[in-house]
N, C-alpha and C. Protein backbone atom coordinates (compact mmCIF):
# COMPACT_ATOMS: atom_id res chain seq x y z
N MET A 1 26.72 -29.93 -15.81
CA MET A 1 25.25 -29.23 -16.54
C MET A 1 24.45 -28.98 -15.51
N ARG A 2 24.34 -29.58 -13.93
CA ARG A 2 23.09 -29.17 -13.58
C ARG A 2 23.51 -27.61 -12.94
N LYS A 3 24.60 -27.09 -12.97
CA LYS A 3 24.92 -25.98 -12.52
C LYS A 3 24.88 -25.06 -13.21
N ILE A 4 25.12 -25.30 -14.58
CA ILE A 4 24.35 -24.41 -15.62
C ILE A 4 23.32 -24.62 -15.55
N LEU A 5 22.28 -25.55 -15.59
CA LEU A 5 20.52 -25.47 -15.66
C LEU A 5 20.09 -24.60 -14.51
N LEU A 6 21.11 -25.00 -13.29
CA LEU A 6 20.18 -24.08 -12.07
C LEU A 6 20.88 -22.33 -12.41
N ALA A 7 21.84 -22.31 -12.86
CA ALA A 7 22.00 -21.16 -13.06
C ALA A 7 21.04 -20.15 -14.22
N LEU A 8 20.89 -21.18 -15.15
CA LEU A 8 19.71 -20.63 -15.71
C LEU A 8 18.31 -20.43 -15.51
N VAL A 9 17.72 -21.14 -14.52
CA VAL A 9 16.76 -21.14 -13.79
C VAL A 9 16.74 -19.96 -13.07
N LEU A 10 18.01 -19.58 -12.25
CA LEU A 10 17.75 -18.78 -11.38
C LEU A 10 17.83 -17.19 -12.48
N VAL A 11 18.32 -17.39 -13.40
CA VAL A 11 18.93 -16.21 -13.98
C VAL A 11 17.31 -15.98 -14.49
N SER A 12 16.57 -16.98 -15.06
CA SER A 12 15.19 -16.24 -16.07
C SER A 12 14.15 -16.07 -15.04
N THR A 13 14.02 -16.68 -13.72
CA THR A 13 13.00 -16.16 -12.61
C THR A 13 13.72 -14.62 -11.94
N ALA A 14 15.21 -14.56 -12.10
CA ALA A 14 15.34 -13.15 -11.37
C ALA A 14 14.41 -11.87 -12.77
N ALA A 15 14.45 -12.25 -14.11
CA ALA A 15 14.65 -11.65 -15.21
C ALA A 15 12.89 -11.34 -14.95
N GLY A 16 12.48 -12.66 -14.94
CA GLY A 16 10.65 -12.38 -14.88
C GLY A 16 10.10 -11.88 -13.86
N CYS A 17 11.03 -10.82 -12.75
CA CYS A 17 10.37 -10.36 -11.94
C CYS A 17 10.41 -8.73 -12.45
N GLY A 18 9.20 -8.21 -11.96
CA GLY A 18 8.33 -6.92 -12.44
C GLY A 18 9.51 -5.88 -11.87
N ARG A 19 10.15 -5.42 -12.82
CA ARG A 19 10.94 -3.60 -12.11
C ARG A 19 10.07 -2.14 -12.57
N GLN A 20 9.46 -2.73 -13.54
CA GLN A 20 8.95 -1.47 -14.32
C GLN A 20 7.90 -0.80 -13.41
N ALA A 21 7.96 0.72 -13.26
CA ALA A 21 7.32 1.70 -12.58
C ALA A 21 5.50 1.58 -13.22
N VAL A 22 4.72 1.90 -12.49
CA VAL A 22 3.46 1.81 -13.31
C VAL A 22 3.09 3.16 -13.72
N ARG A 23 2.81 2.96 -14.92
CA ARG A 23 2.54 4.61 -15.57
C ARG A 23 1.39 5.15 -15.15
N ALA A 24 1.54 6.43 -15.25
CA ALA A 24 0.40 7.40 -15.23
C ALA A 24 -1.07 6.81 -15.54
N ALA A 25 -1.34 6.36 -16.86
CA ALA A 25 -2.47 5.57 -17.36
C ALA A 25 -2.75 4.31 -16.68
N GLU A 26 -1.92 3.92 -16.17
CA GLU A 26 -2.68 2.68 -15.39
C GLU A 26 -2.69 2.56 -13.95
N LYS A 27 -2.40 3.99 -13.41
CA LYS A 27 -2.72 3.98 -11.49
C LYS A 27 -4.10 3.77 -11.71
N GLU A 28 -5.33 4.79 -12.58
CA GLU A 28 -6.74 4.53 -12.36
C GLU A 28 -6.97 2.94 -12.07
N PHE A 29 -6.45 1.84 -12.63
CA PHE A 29 -7.11 0.72 -11.82
C PHE A 29 -6.65 0.32 -10.50
N LEU A 30 -5.47 0.63 -10.26
CA LEU A 30 -4.95 0.46 -8.72
C LEU A 30 -5.84 1.41 -8.03
N ALA A 31 -6.25 2.10 -8.33
CA ALA A 31 -7.32 2.89 -7.41
C ALA A 31 -9.06 2.87 -7.48
N ASP A 32 -9.11 1.50 -8.03
CA ASP A 32 -10.26 1.14 -8.23
C ASP A 32 -11.14 0.77 -6.70
N GLN A 33 -12.40 0.65 -6.85
CA GLN A 33 -12.78 0.42 -5.59
C GLN A 33 -12.69 -1.32 -4.87
N ILE A 34 -12.42 -1.87 -6.29
CA ILE A 34 -12.22 -3.41 -5.26
C ILE A 34 -10.91 -3.37 -5.14
N MET A 35 -9.58 -2.76 -5.32
CA MET A 35 -8.97 -2.94 -4.30
C MET A 35 -8.89 -2.08 -3.16
N VAL A 36 -9.99 -1.76 -2.73
CA VAL A 36 -9.81 -1.29 -1.23
C VAL A 36 -9.91 -2.85 -0.25
N PHE A 37 -9.34 -2.53 0.80
CA PHE A 37 -9.26 -3.92 1.51
C PHE A 37 -10.39 -3.93 2.81
N ASP A 38 -10.52 -2.67 3.26
CA ASP A 38 -11.49 -2.44 4.09
C ASP A 38 -13.01 -3.10 3.98
N GLU A 39 -13.26 -3.56 4.31
CA GLU A 39 -15.24 -4.15 4.27
C GLU A 39 -16.12 -2.74 4.39
N ASP A 40 -15.75 -1.93 6.13
CA ASP A 40 -16.48 -1.10 5.94
C ASP A 40 -15.77 0.44 6.42
N PRO A 41 -15.75 1.02 5.19
CA PRO A 41 -15.08 2.49 5.10
C PRO A 41 -15.22 3.57 6.50
N GLN A 42 -16.52 3.26 6.92
CA GLN A 42 -17.00 3.96 7.71
C GLN A 42 -15.78 3.62 9.21
N GLN A 43 -16.14 2.23 9.37
CA GLN A 43 -15.23 1.89 10.36
C GLN A 43 -14.25 1.95 10.23
N ALA A 44 -13.33 1.98 9.32
CA ALA A 44 -11.64 2.03 9.43
C ALA A 44 -11.64 3.60 9.62
N SER A 45 -12.38 4.65 9.01
CA SER A 45 -12.38 6.22 9.23
C SER A 45 -12.56 5.88 10.47
N SER A 46 -13.36 5.70 11.55
CA SER A 46 -13.59 5.76 13.11
C SER A 46 -11.97 5.37 13.75
N ASP A 47 -11.57 4.03 13.37
CA ASP A 47 -10.43 3.55 13.54
C ASP A 47 -9.31 4.47 13.77
N GLU A 48 -8.97 4.92 12.26
CA GLU A 48 -8.12 5.74 12.05
C GLU A 48 -8.23 7.19 12.90
N HIS A 49 -9.51 7.76 13.21
CA HIS A 49 -9.70 8.86 13.96
C HIS A 49 -8.89 8.37 15.53
N ILE A 50 -9.41 7.20 15.98
CA ILE A 50 -9.40 6.87 17.17
C ILE A 50 -7.89 6.51 17.44
N ARG A 51 -6.97 6.37 16.52
CA ARG A 51 -5.87 5.56 16.42
C ARG A 51 -4.81 7.13 16.52
N THR A 52 -5.15 7.63 15.67
CA THR A 52 -4.86 9.27 15.65
C THR A 52 -4.68 9.73 16.75
N ASN A 53 -5.89 10.18 17.51
CA ASN A 53 -5.77 10.71 18.96
C ASN A 53 -5.24 9.75 19.88
N ARG A 54 -4.91 8.94 19.78
CA ARG A 54 -4.58 8.02 21.06
C ARG A 54 -2.96 8.24 20.80
N GLU A 55 -2.41 8.36 19.60
CA GLU A 55 -1.18 8.27 19.55
C GLU A 55 -0.60 9.59 19.66
N GLY A 56 -1.38 10.61 19.45
CA GLY A 56 -0.64 11.74 19.63
C GLY A 56 -0.02 12.06 18.36
N ALA A 57 -0.94 11.94 17.03
CA ALA A 57 0.23 12.08 16.00
C ALA A 57 -0.89 12.02 15.12
N SER A 58 -0.62 13.04 13.96
CA SER A 58 -1.40 13.22 12.88
C SER A 58 -0.69 13.35 11.61
N GLY A 59 -1.51 13.10 10.39
CA GLY A 59 -0.67 13.36 8.89
C GLY A 59 -0.78 12.12 7.99
N GLY A 60 -0.68 12.32 7.31
CA GLY A 60 -0.28 11.57 6.11
C GLY A 60 -2.06 10.90 5.57
N GLN A 61 -3.04 11.27 6.66
CA GLN A 61 -4.29 11.24 5.92
C GLN A 61 -4.81 12.22 5.41
N GLY A 62 -5.17 13.36 5.07
CA GLY A 62 -5.31 14.27 4.72
C GLY A 62 -5.94 15.43 5.50
N ALA A 63 -5.87 15.08 7.13
CA ALA A 63 -6.54 15.87 7.94
C ALA A 63 -5.71 16.70 9.25
N GLY A 64 -5.89 17.71 9.43
CA GLY A 64 -4.52 18.38 10.11
C GLY A 64 -5.25 18.38 11.69
N GLY A 65 -4.64 19.04 12.61
CA GLY A 65 -4.82 18.82 13.50
C GLY A 65 -3.84 17.86 14.57
N GLY A 66 -3.97 18.43 16.46
CA GLY A 66 -3.06 17.89 17.29
C GLY A 66 -3.56 16.34 17.31
N GLY A 67 -2.84 16.06 18.34
CA GLY A 67 -3.23 14.75 18.71
C GLY A 67 -3.98 15.04 20.47
N CYS A 68 -4.28 16.04 20.85
CA CYS A 68 -5.11 16.46 21.85
C CYS A 68 -6.63 15.72 22.22
N GLY A 69 -7.33 15.20 20.64
CA GLY A 69 -8.47 14.92 21.00
C GLY A 69 -9.84 15.67 20.49
N CYS A 70 -9.44 17.33 20.79
CA CYS A 70 -10.37 17.91 20.17
C CYS A 70 -10.82 18.53 19.07
N ASN A 71 -10.49 17.62 18.21
CA ASN A 71 -10.80 17.87 16.87
C ASN A 71 -11.85 16.93 16.54
């Protein structure tokens, strides 16, 4: 009886996990300003610029350029 109850709990827990993709109409809520975790966007931008130049790589942030620090 315990095994059946345990199996039922595990199955119901696994079934309750979200496996649906986010619909296009719902993505606007994920891009809301309240979802941003950085307190200061200018500081975050500055840190990202420094990190990009220090590591010698760029990309993924919408800015082009090399890692020489001259941009």
